[in-house]
Amino acid sequence: MISAVFPLPLLVLPGGVTRLRIFEPRYLSMVKQVMKNQLGFVLCQYAEERAHQVPEFAGYVKIIDFNQDKAGQLLIDVYCEHWVQIEEVWVDSENVRHGRIKRANDALWPETSQAHDNDSTAAQLEQLSLALQQVFAANPELANLYPQPQFNDSRWLISRWLELVPLSANQKSALLSLPYFEQVVDFLHTLFKSG
């Protein structure tokens, strides 16, 4: 499948929702085409070391809502349906990136460590869930993007934290490539304990 690719300095993972402000003519045209053809597009972080600054894996998003801000700029809410692998990238005449994509495994961190303390992980997840609920309560605009938050779904919870924490694209990529889910939970829990 061929898809438009929109690199931004943000991460969206399966199940995630984000609001984008679209103002560049090339991306307004891209959004128009996507909506006309009832397609999605790839939303990815910049990958400085790769061709056209596009990473190997990214989120395939669909537009779920649109509006205008007070200045008349287009706002779109996008939902990440699944993770894709980007196999080839090129740039069209409007300077929009496109890629040949295929669906990838949505199960980030498919492995569970046998040596890990499950009670410890459960306690850490509970603390991270309560903290995210507080973030949502303090940020109604964010909370409005998630009418049915899944605070008790551990993978949904950790994915939302990875989208929100102020880490570099390289740091987030490193966390996404960890083999064990518990390693990511440990990292995030330690990050919040020290902060």
N, C-alpha and C. Protein backbone atom coordinates (compact mmCIF):
# COMPACT_ATOMS: atom_id res chain seq x y z
N MET A 1 0.84 -1.17 0.00
CA MET A 1 0.00 0.00 0.00
C MET A 1 0.89 1.24 0.00
N ILE A 2 0.44 2.28 -0.66
CA ILE A 2 1.17 3.55 -0.70
C ILE A 2 0.40 4.57 0.13
N SER A 3 1.13 5.35 0.93
CA SER A 3 0.50 6.31 1.82
C SER A 3 1.32 7.59 1.90
N ALA A 4 0.64 8.71 2.13
CA ALA A 4 1.33 9.94 2.47
C ALA A 4 1.99 9.75 3.83
N VAL A 5 3.13 10.40 4.02
CA VAL A 5 3.89 10.30 5.26
C VAL A 5 4.12 11.71 5.79
N PHE A 6 3.72 11.95 7.03
CA PHE A 6 3.78 13.27 7.64
C PHE A 6 4.70 13.19 8.86
N PRO A 7 5.96 13.61 8.71
CA PRO A 7 6.87 13.59 9.86
C PRO A 7 6.70 14.84 10.73
N LEU A 8 6.62 14.62 12.02
CA LEU A 8 6.49 15.70 13.00
C LEU A 8 7.31 15.32 14.24
N PRO A 9 7.62 16.28 15.08
CA PRO A 9 8.36 15.95 16.30
C PRO A 9 7.43 15.44 17.41
N LEU A 10 6.63 14.43 17.08
CA LEU A 10 5.75 13.82 18.07
C LEU A 10 5.58 12.35 17.76
N LEU A 11 5.16 11.62 18.76
CA LEU A 11 4.95 10.18 18.63
C LEU A 11 3.48 9.88 18.88
N VAL A 12 2.89 9.07 18.03
CA VAL A 12 1.54 8.55 18.28
C VAL A 12 1.60 7.03 18.05
N LEU A 13 1.09 6.30 19.02
CA LEU A 13 1.12 4.84 18.99
C LEU A 13 -0.29 4.30 18.82
N PRO A 14 -0.44 3.04 18.46
CA PRO A 14 -1.78 2.47 18.27
C PRO A 14 -2.70 2.77 19.47
N GLY A 15 -3.90 3.25 19.13
CA GLY A 15 -4.86 3.64 20.15
C GLY A 15 -4.74 5.09 20.58
N GLY A 16 -3.73 5.78 20.08
CA GLY A 16 -3.50 7.18 20.46
C GLY A 16 -4.25 8.15 19.57
N VAL A 17 -4.57 9.30 20.14
CA VAL A 17 -5.24 10.37 19.42
C VAL A 17 -4.44 11.65 19.62
N THR A 18 -4.29 12.42 18.58
CA THR A 18 -3.62 13.70 18.71
C THR A 18 -4.29 14.72 17.80
N ARG A 19 -4.13 15.98 18.15
CA ARG A 19 -4.69 17.07 17.34
C ARG A 19 -3.54 17.74 16.59
N LEU A 20 -3.73 17.92 15.30
CA LEU A 20 -2.72 18.55 14.45
C LEU A 20 -3.26 19.85 13.89
N ARG A 21 -2.42 20.85 13.84
CA ARG A 21 -2.75 22.13 13.19
C ARG A 21 -2.11 22.09 11.80
N ILE A 22 -2.93 22.17 10.77
CA ILE A 22 -2.45 22.06 9.40
C ILE A 22 -2.51 23.45 8.76
N PHE A 23 -1.36 23.96 8.32
CA PHE A 23 -1.35 25.29 7.73
C PHE A 23 -0.49 25.38 6.48
N GLU A 24 0.46 24.46 6.31
CA GLU A 24 1.27 24.50 5.09
C GLU A 24 0.42 24.02 3.92
N PRO A 25 0.49 24.74 2.77
CA PRO A 25 -0.32 24.35 1.61
C PRO A 25 -0.12 22.88 1.19
N ARG A 26 1.10 22.38 1.26
CA ARG A 26 1.34 20.99 0.84
C ARG A 26 0.59 20.00 1.73
N TYR A 27 0.50 20.31 3.04
CA TYR A 27 -0.19 19.39 3.94
C TYR A 27 -1.70 19.61 3.91
N LEU A 28 -2.14 20.82 3.60
CA LEU A 28 -3.57 21.05 3.38
C LEU A 28 -4.04 20.22 2.19
N SER A 29 -3.22 20.21 1.14
CA SER A 29 -3.54 19.41 -0.05
C SER A 29 -3.54 17.91 0.29
N MET A 30 -2.57 17.49 1.09
CA MET A 30 -2.51 16.08 1.50
C MET A 30 -3.77 15.69 2.27
N VAL A 31 -4.18 16.53 3.23
CA VAL A 31 -5.37 16.24 4.03
C VAL A 31 -6.61 16.18 3.14
N LYS A 32 -6.70 17.10 2.18
CA LYS A 32 -7.83 17.10 1.26
C LYS A 32 -7.91 15.77 0.49
N GLN A 33 -6.77 15.29 -0.01
CA GLN A 33 -6.73 14.03 -0.74
C GLN A 33 -7.10 12.85 0.15
N VAL A 34 -6.56 12.85 1.36
CA VAL A 34 -6.83 11.77 2.30
C VAL A 34 -8.33 11.71 2.61
N MET A 35 -8.94 12.87 2.87
CA MET A 35 -10.36 12.88 3.19
C MET A 35 -11.22 12.53 1.98
N LYS A 36 -10.84 13.03 0.82
CA LYS A 36 -11.58 12.74 -0.41
C LYS A 36 -11.61 11.24 -0.69
N ASN A 37 -10.46 10.59 -0.47
CA ASN A 37 -10.34 9.16 -0.77
C ASN A 37 -10.62 8.26 0.43
N GLN A 38 -11.03 8.87 1.54
CA GLN A 38 -11.33 8.13 2.77
C GLN A 38 -10.19 7.20 3.17
N LEU A 39 -9.00 7.77 3.16
CA LEU A 39 -7.79 7.04 3.53
C LEU A 39 -7.22 7.60 4.81
N GLY A 40 -6.17 6.98 5.28
CA GLY A 40 -5.39 7.51 6.38
C GLY A 40 -4.04 7.96 5.84
N PHE A 41 -3.14 8.25 6.74
CA PHE A 41 -1.77 8.59 6.37
C PHE A 41 -0.85 8.18 7.50
N VAL A 42 0.44 8.19 7.23
CA VAL A 42 1.43 7.81 8.22
C VAL A 42 1.87 9.06 8.96
N LEU A 43 1.81 9.01 10.28
CA LEU A 43 2.30 10.08 11.13
C LEU A 43 3.51 9.53 11.88
N CYS A 44 4.65 10.20 11.72
CA CYS A 44 5.88 9.65 12.29
C CYS A 44 6.75 10.75 12.89
N GLN A 45 7.67 10.32 13.75
CA GLN A 45 8.70 11.20 14.26
C GLN A 45 9.78 11.35 13.19
N TYR A 46 10.51 12.44 13.26
CA TYR A 46 11.67 12.60 12.38
C TYR A 46 12.74 11.58 12.76
N ALA A 47 13.37 11.03 11.75
CA ALA A 47 14.51 10.12 11.95
C ALA A 47 15.66 10.69 11.14
N GLU A 48 16.47 11.51 11.79
CA GLU A 48 17.54 12.26 11.11
C GLU A 48 18.45 11.36 10.28
N GLU A 49 18.70 10.14 10.76
CA GLU A 49 19.70 9.27 10.12
C GLU A 49 19.15 8.49 8.93
N ARG A 50 17.86 8.61 8.63
CA ARG A 50 17.25 7.80 7.57
C ARG A 50 16.85 8.65 6.37
N ALA A 51 16.64 7.99 5.26
CA ALA A 51 16.25 8.67 4.02
C ALA A 51 14.98 9.49 4.23
N HIS A 52 15.01 10.72 3.80
CA HIS A 52 13.89 11.65 3.91
C HIS A 52 13.41 11.85 5.35
N GLN A 53 14.28 11.51 6.30
CA GLN A 53 14.02 11.68 7.74
C GLN A 53 12.79 10.91 8.21
N VAL A 54 12.55 9.75 7.61
CA VAL A 54 11.38 8.93 7.92
C VAL A 54 11.87 7.63 8.56
N PRO A 55 11.33 7.26 9.74
CA PRO A 55 11.76 6.03 10.41
C PRO A 55 11.20 4.78 9.72
N GLU A 56 11.68 3.64 10.17
CA GLU A 56 11.21 2.38 9.61
C GLU A 56 9.78 2.05 10.05
N PHE A 57 9.42 2.43 11.29
CA PHE A 57 8.10 2.13 11.83
C PHE A 57 7.41 3.41 12.26
N ALA A 58 6.09 3.44 12.10
CA ALA A 58 5.32 4.63 12.47
C ALA A 58 3.85 4.26 12.60
N GLY A 59 3.04 5.24 12.98
CA GLY A 59 1.61 5.02 13.15
C GLY A 59 0.82 5.37 11.90
N TYR A 60 -0.13 4.52 11.56
CA TYR A 60 -1.07 4.81 10.47
C TYR A 60 -2.30 5.42 11.11
N VAL A 61 -2.61 6.67 10.75
CA VAL A 61 -3.69 7.40 11.40
C VAL A 61 -4.82 7.69 10.44
N LYS A 62 -6.03 7.84 11.02
CA LYS A 62 -7.21 8.28 10.27
C LYS A 62 -7.75 9.53 10.93
N ILE A 63 -8.26 10.42 10.12
CA ILE A 63 -8.86 11.65 10.63
C ILE A 63 -10.22 11.31 11.22
N ILE A 64 -10.41 11.68 12.50
CA ILE A 64 -11.68 11.38 13.17
C ILE A 64 -12.51 12.63 13.43
N ASP A 65 -11.88 13.81 13.32
CA ASP A 65 -12.61 15.06 13.51
C ASP A 65 -11.78 16.19 12.92
N PHE A 66 -12.45 17.26 12.55
CA PHE A 66 -11.74 18.44 12.07
C PHE A 66 -12.50 19.68 12.44
N ASN A 67 -11.78 20.79 12.51
CA ASN A 67 -12.35 22.06 12.90
C ASN A 67 -11.38 23.16 12.47
N GLN A 68 -11.68 24.40 12.85
CA GLN A 68 -10.77 25.51 12.62
C GLN A 68 -10.47 26.18 13.94
N ASP A 69 -9.23 26.68 14.07
CA ASP A 69 -8.92 27.45 15.26
C ASP A 69 -9.36 28.89 15.06
N LYS A 70 -9.13 29.75 16.04
CA LYS A 70 -9.58 31.14 15.97
C LYS A 70 -8.95 31.91 14.82
N ALA A 71 -7.77 31.47 14.40
CA ALA A 71 -7.08 32.13 13.28
C ALA A 71 -7.51 31.57 11.93
N GLY A 72 -8.42 30.59 11.94
CA GLY A 72 -8.90 30.01 10.69
C GLY A 72 -8.06 28.86 10.17
N GLN A 73 -7.07 28.41 10.96
CA GLN A 73 -6.25 27.28 10.52
C GLN A 73 -6.98 25.97 10.79
N LEU A 74 -6.73 25.00 9.93
CA LEU A 74 -7.36 23.69 10.03
C LEU A 74 -6.79 22.91 11.22
N LEU A 75 -7.68 22.36 12.02
CA LEU A 75 -7.32 21.45 13.10
C LEU A 75 -7.90 20.09 12.76
N ILE A 76 -7.08 19.05 12.84
CA ILE A 76 -7.59 17.69 12.63
C ILE A 76 -7.20 16.83 13.84
N ASP A 77 -8.14 16.01 14.25
CA ASP A 77 -7.86 15.00 15.27
C ASP A 77 -7.66 13.69 14.53
N VAL A 78 -6.56 13.03 14.84
CA VAL A 78 -6.25 11.76 14.18
C VAL A 78 -6.13 10.65 15.21
N TYR A 79 -6.58 9.47 14.82
CA TYR A 79 -6.53 8.27 15.65
C TYR A 79 -5.57 7.28 15.02
N CYS A 80 -4.62 6.79 15.80
CA CYS A 80 -3.65 5.81 15.28
C CYS A 80 -4.29 4.43 15.29
N GLU A 81 -4.58 3.94 14.10
CA GLU A 81 -5.23 2.63 13.97
C GLU A 81 -4.27 1.48 14.20
N HIS A 82 -3.06 1.60 13.63
CA HIS A 82 -2.10 0.52 13.79
C HIS A 82 -0.70 1.01 13.42
N TRP A 83 0.25 0.18 13.69
CA TRP A 83 1.66 0.43 13.44
C TRP A 83 1.98 -0.09 12.03
N VAL A 84 2.80 0.65 11.29
CA VAL A 84 3.19 0.21 9.95
C VAL A 84 4.70 0.22 9.80
N GLN A 85 5.16 -0.58 8.87
CA GLN A 85 6.57 -0.57 8.48
C GLN A 85 6.64 0.18 7.16
N ILE A 86 7.55 1.14 7.09
CA ILE A 86 7.71 1.95 5.88
C ILE A 86 8.90 1.38 5.11
N GLU A 87 8.62 0.87 3.93
CA GLU A 87 9.64 0.15 3.19
C GLU A 87 10.38 1.00 2.16
N GLU A 88 9.75 2.04 1.69
CA GLU A 88 10.37 2.88 0.65
C GLU A 88 9.75 4.27 0.79
N VAL A 89 10.56 5.31 0.60
CA VAL A 89 10.07 6.67 0.76
C VAL A 89 10.51 7.51 -0.43
N TRP A 90 9.62 8.38 -0.90
CA TRP A 90 9.96 9.34 -1.94
C TRP A 90 9.19 10.62 -1.68
N VAL A 91 9.55 11.68 -2.39
CA VAL A 91 8.93 12.99 -2.22
C VAL A 91 8.27 13.37 -3.54
N ASP A 92 7.01 13.83 -3.49
CA ASP A 92 6.30 14.20 -4.72
C ASP A 92 6.58 15.65 -5.11
N SER A 93 5.92 16.09 -6.15
CA SER A 93 6.17 17.44 -6.70
C SER A 93 5.73 18.55 -5.74
N GLU A 94 4.85 18.24 -4.78
CA GLU A 94 4.42 19.23 -3.78
C GLU A 94 5.28 19.17 -2.52
N ASN A 95 6.33 18.35 -2.56
CA ASN A 95 7.26 18.18 -1.44
C ASN A 95 6.61 17.45 -0.25
N VAL A 96 5.68 16.55 -0.55
CA VAL A 96 5.06 15.70 0.46
C VAL A 96 5.70 14.32 0.35
N ARG A 97 6.07 13.76 1.47
CA ARG A 97 6.65 12.42 1.49
C ARG A 97 5.55 11.38 1.31
N HIS A 98 5.90 10.31 0.64
CA HIS A 98 5.03 9.15 0.47
C HIS A 98 5.87 7.91 0.72
N GLY A 99 5.20 6.84 1.09
CA GLY A 99 5.93 5.61 1.33
C GLY A 99 5.12 4.39 0.99
N ARG A 100 5.85 3.34 0.69
CA ARG A 100 5.23 2.03 0.52
C ARG A 100 5.23 1.42 1.91
N ILE A 101 4.03 1.08 2.38
CA ILE A 101 3.91 0.62 3.77
C ILE A 101 3.24 -0.75 3.83
N LYS A 102 3.50 -1.43 4.94
CA LYS A 102 2.76 -2.66 5.24
C LYS A 102 2.50 -2.68 6.74
N ARG A 103 1.40 -3.29 7.09
CA ARG A 103 1.01 -3.36 8.50
C ARG A 103 2.06 -4.13 9.28
N ALA A 104 2.41 -3.59 10.44
CA ALA A 104 3.39 -4.23 11.31
C ALA A 104 2.67 -4.77 12.55
N ASN A 105 3.39 -5.50 13.34
CA ASN A 105 2.84 -6.04 14.58
C ASN A 105 2.51 -4.90 15.53
N ASP A 106 1.25 -4.77 15.93
CA ASP A 106 0.84 -3.72 16.87
C ASP A 106 1.26 -4.02 18.30
N ALA A 107 1.65 -5.23 18.57
CA ALA A 107 2.00 -5.61 19.94
C ALA A 107 3.42 -5.16 20.24
N LEU A 108 3.54 -3.89 20.61
CA LEU A 108 4.84 -3.40 21.04
C LEU A 108 5.22 -4.15 22.31
N TRP A 109 6.46 -4.48 22.46
CA TRP A 109 6.96 -5.25 23.60
C TRP A 109 6.16 -6.53 23.79
N PRO A 110 6.20 -7.42 22.80
CA PRO A 110 5.40 -8.65 22.90
C PRO A 110 5.89 -9.60 23.99
N GLU A 111 7.13 -9.42 24.43
CA GLU A 111 7.69 -10.34 25.41
C GLU A 111 7.44 -9.87 26.84
N THR A 112 7.24 -10.83 27.71
CA THR A 112 7.15 -10.56 29.14
C THR A 112 8.29 -11.32 29.80
N SER A 113 9.05 -10.62 30.61
CA SER A 113 10.18 -11.24 31.28
C SER A 113 9.70 -12.24 32.32
N GLN A 114 10.26 -13.43 32.30
CA GLN A 114 9.90 -14.45 33.29
C GLN A 114 10.53 -14.15 34.65
N ALA A 115 11.62 -13.38 34.62
CA ALA A 115 12.35 -13.10 35.86
C ALA A 115 11.81 -11.87 36.59
N HIS A 116 10.81 -11.22 36.03
CA HIS A 116 10.34 -9.97 36.61
C HIS A 116 9.32 -10.19 37.71
N ASP A 117 9.30 -9.29 38.66
CA ASP A 117 8.36 -9.35 39.78
C ASP A 117 7.02 -8.78 39.32
N ASN A 118 6.02 -9.64 39.10
CA ASN A 118 4.72 -9.20 38.60
C ASN A 118 4.00 -8.28 39.58
N ASP A 119 4.17 -8.52 40.90
CA ASP A 119 3.54 -7.65 41.90
C ASP A 119 4.12 -6.24 41.82
N SER A 120 5.41 -6.15 41.61
CA SER A 120 6.07 -4.85 41.48
C SER A 120 5.57 -4.12 40.25
N THR A 121 5.48 -4.83 39.13
CA THR A 121 4.99 -4.23 37.89
C THR A 121 3.55 -3.76 38.06
N ALA A 122 2.72 -4.56 38.71
CA ALA A 122 1.32 -4.18 38.93
C ALA A 122 1.23 -2.91 39.78
N ALA A 123 2.05 -2.80 40.79
CA ALA A 123 2.05 -1.60 41.64
C ALA A 123 2.52 -0.38 40.85
N GLN A 124 3.53 -0.57 40.03
CA GLN A 124 4.03 0.53 39.20
C GLN A 124 2.96 0.99 38.21
N LEU A 125 2.27 0.04 37.59
CA LEU A 125 1.22 0.37 36.63
C LEU A 125 0.08 1.12 37.31
N GLU A 126 -0.27 0.71 38.53
CA GLU A 126 -1.33 1.40 39.26
C GLU A 126 -0.94 2.85 39.53
N GLN A 127 0.30 3.08 39.92
CA GLN A 127 0.77 4.45 40.17
C GLN A 127 0.79 5.27 38.88
N LEU A 128 1.23 4.66 37.80
CA LEU A 128 1.25 5.36 36.51
C LEU A 128 -0.16 5.66 36.01
N SER A 129 -1.09 4.75 36.28
CA SER A 129 -2.49 4.98 35.90
C SER A 129 -3.08 6.16 36.66
N LEU A 130 -2.85 6.20 37.96
CA LEU A 130 -3.36 7.33 38.76
C LEU A 130 -2.75 8.64 38.30
N ALA A 131 -1.46 8.62 37.99
CA ALA A 131 -0.79 9.84 37.52
C ALA A 131 -1.35 10.30 36.19
N LEU A 132 -1.63 9.36 35.29
CA LEU A 132 -2.20 9.76 33.99
C LEU A 132 -3.62 10.29 34.16
N GLN A 133 -4.38 9.72 35.06
CA GLN A 133 -5.72 10.24 35.33
C GLN A 133 -5.64 11.69 35.83
N GLN A 134 -4.62 11.99 36.63
CA GLN A 134 -4.43 13.37 37.11
C GLN A 134 -4.06 14.29 35.95
N VAL A 135 -3.22 13.80 35.04
CA VAL A 135 -2.85 14.60 33.87
C VAL A 135 -4.10 14.90 33.03
N PHE A 136 -4.93 13.91 32.82
CA PHE A 136 -6.16 14.12 32.05
C PHE A 136 -7.08 15.12 32.76
N ALA A 137 -7.21 14.99 34.08
CA ALA A 137 -8.08 15.90 34.84
C ALA A 137 -7.57 17.34 34.75
N ALA A 138 -6.26 17.52 34.72
CA ALA A 138 -5.68 18.86 34.66
C ALA A 138 -5.62 19.43 33.24
N ASN A 139 -5.86 18.59 32.25
CA ASN A 139 -5.77 19.00 30.84
C ASN A 139 -7.02 18.55 30.09
N PRO A 140 -8.10 19.32 30.22
CA PRO A 140 -9.36 18.92 29.58
C PRO A 140 -9.26 18.75 28.07
N GLU A 141 -8.41 19.55 27.42
CA GLU A 141 -8.25 19.42 25.97
C GLU A 141 -7.71 18.04 25.60
N LEU A 142 -6.76 17.55 26.38
CA LEU A 142 -6.23 16.19 26.17
C LEU A 142 -7.31 15.16 26.51
N ALA A 143 -7.97 15.33 27.63
CA ALA A 143 -9.00 14.38 28.05
C ALA A 143 -10.12 14.28 27.02
N ASN A 144 -10.47 15.39 26.39
CA ASN A 144 -11.53 15.39 25.38
C ASN A 144 -11.19 14.54 24.16
N LEU A 145 -9.91 14.32 23.91
CA LEU A 145 -9.51 13.47 22.79
C LEU A 145 -9.80 11.99 23.07
N TYR A 146 -9.99 11.66 24.34
CA TYR A 146 -10.20 10.28 24.76
C TYR A 146 -11.51 10.16 25.54
N PRO A 147 -12.66 10.09 24.85
CA PRO A 147 -13.93 9.99 25.58
C PRO A 147 -14.05 8.71 26.41
N GLN A 148 -13.31 7.66 26.03
CA GLN A 148 -13.33 6.41 26.79
C GLN A 148 -11.90 5.96 27.09
N PRO A 149 -11.22 6.66 28.00
CA PRO A 149 -9.83 6.28 28.30
C PRO A 149 -9.77 4.89 28.91
N GLN A 150 -8.67 4.22 28.66
CA GLN A 150 -8.49 2.83 29.11
C GLN A 150 -7.37 2.76 30.14
N PHE A 151 -7.53 3.48 31.24
CA PHE A 151 -6.49 3.57 32.25
C PHE A 151 -6.09 2.22 32.84
N ASN A 152 -6.97 1.22 32.76
CA ASN A 152 -6.66 -0.10 33.32
C ASN A 152 -6.05 -1.06 32.29
N ASP A 153 -5.90 -0.61 31.06
CA ASP A 153 -5.25 -1.41 30.02
C ASP A 153 -3.77 -1.02 30.02
N SER A 154 -2.92 -1.91 30.47
CA SER A 154 -1.51 -1.56 30.70
C SER A 154 -0.79 -1.10 29.43
N ARG A 155 -1.05 -1.72 28.30
CA ARG A 155 -0.36 -1.31 27.07
C ARG A 155 -0.88 0.05 26.59
N TRP A 156 -2.18 0.29 26.71
CA TRP A 156 -2.74 1.59 26.36
C TRP A 156 -2.13 2.67 27.25
N LEU A 157 -2.07 2.40 28.54
CA LEU A 157 -1.52 3.33 29.52
C LEU A 157 -0.07 3.70 29.20
N ILE A 158 0.76 2.70 28.98
CA ILE A 158 2.18 2.96 28.73
C ILE A 158 2.36 3.65 27.39
N SER A 159 1.56 3.31 26.41
CA SER A 159 1.63 4.00 25.11
C SER A 159 1.32 5.48 25.25
N ARG A 160 0.28 5.80 26.05
CA ARG A 160 -0.07 7.23 26.23
C ARG A 160 1.06 7.96 26.95
N TRP A 161 1.67 7.31 27.95
CA TRP A 161 2.78 7.96 28.63
C TRP A 161 3.94 8.22 27.68
N LEU A 162 4.25 7.25 26.82
CA LEU A 162 5.36 7.45 25.87
C LEU A 162 5.07 8.59 24.89
N GLU A 163 3.81 8.77 24.55
CA GLU A 163 3.45 9.89 23.68
C GLU A 163 3.64 11.22 24.40
N LEU A 164 3.38 11.24 25.70
CA LEU A 164 3.36 12.50 26.45
C LEU A 164 4.69 12.92 27.07
N VAL A 165 5.51 11.97 27.48
CA VAL A 165 6.73 12.35 28.20
C VAL A 165 7.68 13.12 27.29
N PRO A 166 8.33 14.14 27.85
CA PRO A 166 9.25 14.97 27.06
C PRO A 166 10.62 14.32 26.89
N LEU A 167 10.68 13.32 26.03
CA LEU A 167 11.93 12.65 25.69
C LEU A 167 12.22 12.90 24.22
N SER A 168 13.47 12.77 23.85
CA SER A 168 13.84 12.95 22.45
C SER A 168 13.30 11.79 21.62
N ALA A 169 13.25 12.00 20.31
CA ALA A 169 12.80 10.94 19.40
C ALA A 169 13.68 9.70 19.54
N ASN A 170 14.98 9.90 19.70
CA ASN A 170 15.89 8.76 19.85
C ASN A 170 15.62 8.00 21.15
N GLN A 171 15.33 8.72 22.23
CA GLN A 171 15.02 8.05 23.50
C GLN A 171 13.73 7.26 23.40
N LYS A 172 12.73 7.85 22.75
CA LYS A 172 11.45 7.14 22.60
C LYS A 172 11.63 5.91 21.71
N SER A 173 12.41 6.04 20.66
CA SER A 173 12.68 4.89 19.78
C SER A 173 13.37 3.78 20.54
N ALA A 174 14.30 4.15 21.42
CA ALA A 174 15.01 3.14 22.22
C ALA A 174 14.03 2.41 23.14
N LEU A 175 13.10 3.14 23.73
CA LEU A 175 12.11 2.50 24.60
C LEU A 175 11.19 1.58 23.80
N LEU A 176 10.84 2.00 22.59
CA LEU A 176 9.99 1.16 21.74
C LEU A 176 10.68 -0.13 21.33
N SER A 177 12.00 -0.10 21.29
CA SER A 177 12.73 -1.29 20.84
C SER A 177 13.15 -2.21 21.99
N LEU A 178 12.81 -1.86 23.22
CA LEU A 178 13.13 -2.75 24.34
C LEU A 178 12.37 -4.06 24.18
N PRO A 179 12.99 -5.18 24.55
CA PRO A 179 12.32 -6.47 24.35
C PRO A 179 11.20 -6.77 25.35
N TYR A 180 11.29 -6.20 26.54
CA TYR A 180 10.33 -6.56 27.58
C TYR A 180 9.50 -5.36 28.01
N PHE A 181 8.20 -5.57 28.09
CA PHE A 181 7.26 -4.55 28.52
C PHE A 181 7.64 -3.99 29.89
N GLU A 182 8.04 -4.88 30.80
CA GLU A 182 8.37 -4.46 32.16
C GLU A 182 9.52 -3.46 32.20
N GLN A 183 10.43 -3.54 31.22
CA GLN A 183 11.54 -2.59 31.17
C GLN A 183 11.01 -1.17 30.92
N VAL A 184 10.02 -1.05 30.08
CA VAL A 184 9.43 0.25 29.77
C VAL A 184 8.69 0.78 31.00
N VAL A 185 7.94 -0.11 31.65
CA VAL A 185 7.22 0.28 32.88
C VAL A 185 8.22 0.75 33.93
N ASP A 186 9.31 -0.01 34.12
CA ASP A 186 10.33 0.38 35.10
C ASP A 186 10.91 1.75 34.78
N PHE A 187 11.23 1.98 33.51
CA PHE A 187 11.80 3.27 33.12
C PHE A 187 10.85 4.41 33.44
N LEU A 188 9.59 4.28 33.01
CA LEU A 188 8.63 5.36 33.24
C LEU A 188 8.37 5.58 34.73
N HIS A 189 8.28 4.49 35.49
CA HIS A 189 8.06 4.63 36.92
C HIS A 189 9.25 5.34 37.58
N THR A 190 10.46 4.97 37.20
CA THR A 190 11.65 5.63 37.74
C THR A 190 11.69 7.09 37.35
N LEU A 191 11.30 7.39 36.13
CA LEU A 191 11.27 8.78 35.64
C LEU A 191 10.35 9.63 36.52
N PHE A 192 9.18 9.09 36.86
CA PHE A 192 8.24 9.85 37.67
C PHE A 192 8.62 9.89 39.14
N LYS A 193 9.26 8.84 39.62
CA LYS A 193 9.72 8.84 41.02
C LYS A 193 10.80 9.89 41.23
N SER A 194 11.68 10.04 40.22
CA SER A 194 12.80 10.99 40.37
C SER A 194 12.36 12.43 40.10
N GLY A 195 11.22 12.63 39.42
CA GLY A 195 10.75 13.96 39.07
C GLY A 195 9.86 14.50 40.07
